[in-house]
């Protein structure tokens, strides 16, 4: 029996994506990394909203809008095929791919990479941090997991956890206090 197919989907925990990105992905929209939209030679010239998309955005395949967070979601074969066809069409329509066949191959690669990020239980939240290092785009993906090791009145809702041997310091975000002006 094969494991169910999982893909990232856009999720909004607050309205901030509508402010920080030029276009926000719609909640529930299938996502890919979207790094293919950035030219390493032009990253420095991006405006503030472009830099936000570069730094932390997953790309919605329907809207070509951005999402700060993705949620691991099981996808049926029909949903996968629909996402593949839609993304291939976007590659032709928005990026000038030479034809549907080539676009479909590229879309399949992007969806395979997106699926590889979802090797976690359904409903796991994913975050992305993209940087430009020595002229190359580098992506780091993190999962947000509930904190179960503290008393209920003293816990943080989630913490960032490094994925696959990253050697950087673990970042922590206090989602409960963000809206209260607290320190993350």
Protein backbone atom coordinates (compact mmCIF):
# COMPACT_ATOMS: atom_id res chain seq x y z
CA UNK A 1 0.00 0.00 0.00
CA UNK A 2 1.52 3.34 -1.00
CA UNK A 3 1.51 6.39 1.21
CA UNK A 4 -1.14 8.96 0.43
CA UNK A 5 -0.03 11.85 -1.78
CA UNK A 6 0.39 15.09 0.14
CA UNK A 7 0.85 18.62 -1.17
CA UNK A 8 1.15 22.03 0.48
CA UNK A 9 -1.92 24.23 0.57
CA UNK A 10 -2.21 27.92 1.44
CA UNK A 11 -3.42 28.76 4.92
CA UNK A 12 -3.93 32.14 6.58
CA UNK A 13 -3.78 32.47 10.34
CA UNK A 14 -4.24 36.24 10.07
CA UNK A 15 -4.72 38.83 7.31
CA UNK A 16 -1.01 39.78 7.04
CA UNK A 17 -0.41 38.08 3.66
CA UNK A 18 -2.79 40.62 2.12
CA UNK A 19 -0.53 43.43 3.34
CA UNK A 20 2.97 42.06 2.87
CA UNK A 21 2.58 40.58 -0.62
CA UNK A 22 1.49 42.30 -3.81
CA UNK A 23 -0.99 39.44 -4.29
CA UNK A 24 -1.85 36.90 -1.59
CA UNK A 25 -2.64 33.29 -2.41
CA UNK A 26 -6.15 32.24 -1.53
CA UNK A 27 -6.59 29.94 1.48
CA UNK A 28 -6.87 26.34 0.29
CA UNK A 29 -4.95 26.97 -2.93
CA UNK A 30 -2.26 24.41 -3.85
CA UNK A 31 1.27 25.78 -3.44
CA UNK A 32 4.75 25.29 -4.85
CA UNK A 33 7.98 26.89 -3.67
CA UNK A 34 7.98 29.51 -6.43
CA UNK A 35 11.73 30.18 -6.47
CA UNK A 36 11.70 29.83 -10.26
CA UNK A 37 10.12 33.31 -10.40
CA UNK A 38 13.21 34.98 -8.94
CA UNK A 39 16.31 35.90 -10.90
CA UNK A 40 19.32 35.92 -8.54
CA UNK A 41 20.73 38.89 -10.50
CA UNK A 42 17.62 40.98 -9.79
CA UNK A 43 16.78 40.13 -6.17
CA UNK A 44 18.51 43.27 -4.85
CA UNK A 45 16.29 45.45 -7.05
CA UNK A 46 12.99 44.07 -5.68
CA UNK A 47 10.62 46.46 -3.93
CA UNK A 48 9.46 45.76 -0.35
CA UNK A 49 6.60 43.47 -1.37
CA UNK A 50 8.83 41.64 -3.84
CA UNK A 51 11.44 41.15 -1.11
CA UNK A 52 8.75 39.75 1.20
CA UNK A 53 7.70 37.25 -1.48
CA UNK A 54 11.34 36.34 -2.10
CA UNK A 55 12.14 35.96 1.58
CA UNK A 56 9.15 33.93 2.75
CA UNK A 57 6.56 33.23 0.07
CA UNK A 58 5.13 29.98 -1.22
CA UNK A 59 3.53 30.46 -4.65
CA UNK A 60 -0.17 29.71 -5.20
CA UNK A 61 -0.53 27.88 -8.49
CA UNK A 62 -3.97 29.27 -9.29
CA UNK A 63 -3.53 32.95 -8.40
CA UNK A 64 0.27 33.23 -8.64
CA UNK A 65 -0.13 34.94 -5.27
CA UNK A 66 1.99 34.31 -2.20
CA UNK A 67 1.40 32.59 1.13
CA UNK A 68 3.60 32.82 4.20
CA UNK A 69 2.43 29.46 5.51
CA UNK A 70 1.51 26.16 3.92
CA UNK A 71 -0.37 23.28 5.47
CA UNK A 72 0.40 19.66 4.59
CA UNK A 73 -2.75 18.28 2.95
CA UNK A 74 -3.63 14.92 1.46
CA UNK A 75 -4.44 15.17 -2.25
CA UNK A 76 -6.34 12.72 -4.39
CA UNK A 77 -4.86 11.67 -7.75
CA UNK A 78 -7.53 13.80 -9.45
CA UNK A 79 -6.56 16.86 -7.37
CA UNK A 80 -2.90 16.28 -8.18
CA UNK A 81 -3.68 16.03 -11.91
CA UNK A 82 -5.81 19.18 -11.73
CA UNK A 83 -2.94 21.04 -9.98
CA UNK A 84 -0.48 19.76 -12.60
CA UNK A 85 -2.64 20.92 -15.51
CA UNK A 86 -3.26 24.30 -13.88
CA UNK A 87 0.42 24.91 -13.11
CA UNK A 88 1.48 23.86 -16.63
CA UNK A 89 -1.09 26.27 -18.04
CA UNK A 90 0.27 29.08 -15.84
CA UNK A 91 3.78 28.36 -17.09
CA UNK A 92 2.59 28.87 -20.67
CA UNK A 93 0.29 31.82 -19.92
CA UNK A 94 2.41 33.78 -17.43
CA UNK A 95 5.97 32.66 -18.08
CA UNK A 96 6.00 32.03 -21.81
CA UNK A 97 6.78 28.30 -21.72
CA UNK A 98 7.24 27.09 -25.33
CA UNK A 99 4.42 24.58 -25.13
CA UNK A 100 2.18 22.57 -22.87
CA UNK A 101 4.36 19.46 -23.01
CA UNK A 102 7.47 21.25 -21.75
CA UNK A 103 5.37 23.20 -19.26
CA UNK A 104 3.82 19.98 -17.96
CA UNK A 105 7.27 18.47 -17.37
CA UNK A 106 8.38 21.57 -15.46
CA UNK A 107 5.12 21.63 -13.48
CA UNK A 108 5.58 17.94 -12.58
CA UNK A 109 9.06 18.75 -11.22
CA UNK A 110 7.73 21.64 -9.14
CA UNK A 111 4.88 19.54 -7.74
CA UNK A 112 7.25 16.65 -6.96
CA UNK A 113 9.44 19.05 -4.99
CA UNK A 114 6.38 20.50 -3.22
CA UNK A 115 5.23 16.97 -2.34
CA UNK A 116 8.69 16.17 -0.95
CA UNK A 117 8.22 18.98 1.58
CA UNK A 118 5.11 17.27 2.89
CA UNK A 119 6.74 14.26 4.51
CA UNK A 120 4.89 15.18 7.71
CA UNK A 121 1.47 14.40 9.13
CA UNK A 122 -1.49 16.18 7.52
CA UNK A 123 -2.19 19.62 9.05
CA UNK A 124 1.51 20.27 9.76
CA UNK A 125 2.35 23.90 9.03
CA UNK A 126 5.34 24.71 6.81
CA UNK A 127 7.30 27.95 6.59
CA UNK A 128 9.94 28.99 4.07
CA UNK A 129 12.99 31.22 4.34
CA UNK A 130 14.69 32.06 1.06
CA UNK A 131 18.06 33.81 0.82
CA UNK A 132 20.57 34.77 -1.81
CA UNK A 133 24.00 33.33 -0.98
CA UNK A 134 26.99 33.73 -3.27
CA UNK A 135 24.71 34.45 -6.20
CA UNK A 136 22.52 31.39 -5.64
CA UNK A 137 19.01 31.16 -4.19
CA UNK A 138 18.84 28.96 -1.11
CA UNK A 139 15.63 27.76 0.50
CA UNK A 140 15.21 26.55 4.07
CA UNK A 141 11.96 24.94 5.08
CA UNK A 142 10.73 24.68 8.63
CA UNK A 143 7.79 23.04 10.26
CA UNK A 144 5.67 24.70 12.91
CA UNK A 145 4.74 22.25 15.62
CA UNK A 146 2.57 22.66 18.72
CA UNK A 147 4.52 23.12 21.93
CA UNK A 148 3.32 20.43 24.34
CA UNK A 149 6.08 20.65 26.93
CA UNK A 150 4.86 23.66 28.98
CA UNK A 151 1.86 24.38 31.18
CA UNK A 152 -1.08 25.71 29.20
CA UNK A 153 -0.78 29.26 30.61
CA UNK A 154 2.94 29.52 29.78
CA UNK A 155 3.28 27.93 26.35
CA UNK A 156 3.94 29.24 22.90
CA UNK A 157 1.55 27.96 20.28
CA UNK A 158 4.26 26.90 17.82
CA UNK A 159 7.99 26.86 17.37
CA UNK A 160 10.13 26.68 14.23
CA UNK A 161 12.01 23.42 13.88
CA UNK A 162 14.92 22.90 11.51
CA UNK A 163 14.46 20.30 8.81
CA UNK A 164 17.19 17.97 7.52
CA UNK A 165 20.35 18.82 9.38
CA UNK A 166 20.28 22.60 9.25
CA UNK A 167 22.92 24.00 11.57
CA UNK A 168 21.35 27.36 12.36
CA UNK A 169 19.71 28.48 15.58
CA UNK A 170 16.07 27.41 16.01
CA UNK A 171 13.75 30.41 15.61
CA UNK A 172 10.73 30.73 17.87
CA UNK A 173 7.53 32.67 17.24
CA UNK A 174 4.95 33.42 19.92
CA UNK A 175 1.75 33.52 17.86
CA UNK A 176 -0.41 34.13 20.93
CA UNK A 177 1.34 37.42 21.70
CA UNK A 178 1.92 38.71 18.16
CA UNK A 179 -1.43 40.50 18.08
CA UNK A 180 -0.87 41.89 21.60
CA UNK A 181 2.39 43.58 20.68
CA UNK A 182 4.41 40.99 22.61
CA UNK A 183 7.93 39.99 21.69
CA UNK A 184 8.14 36.91 19.47
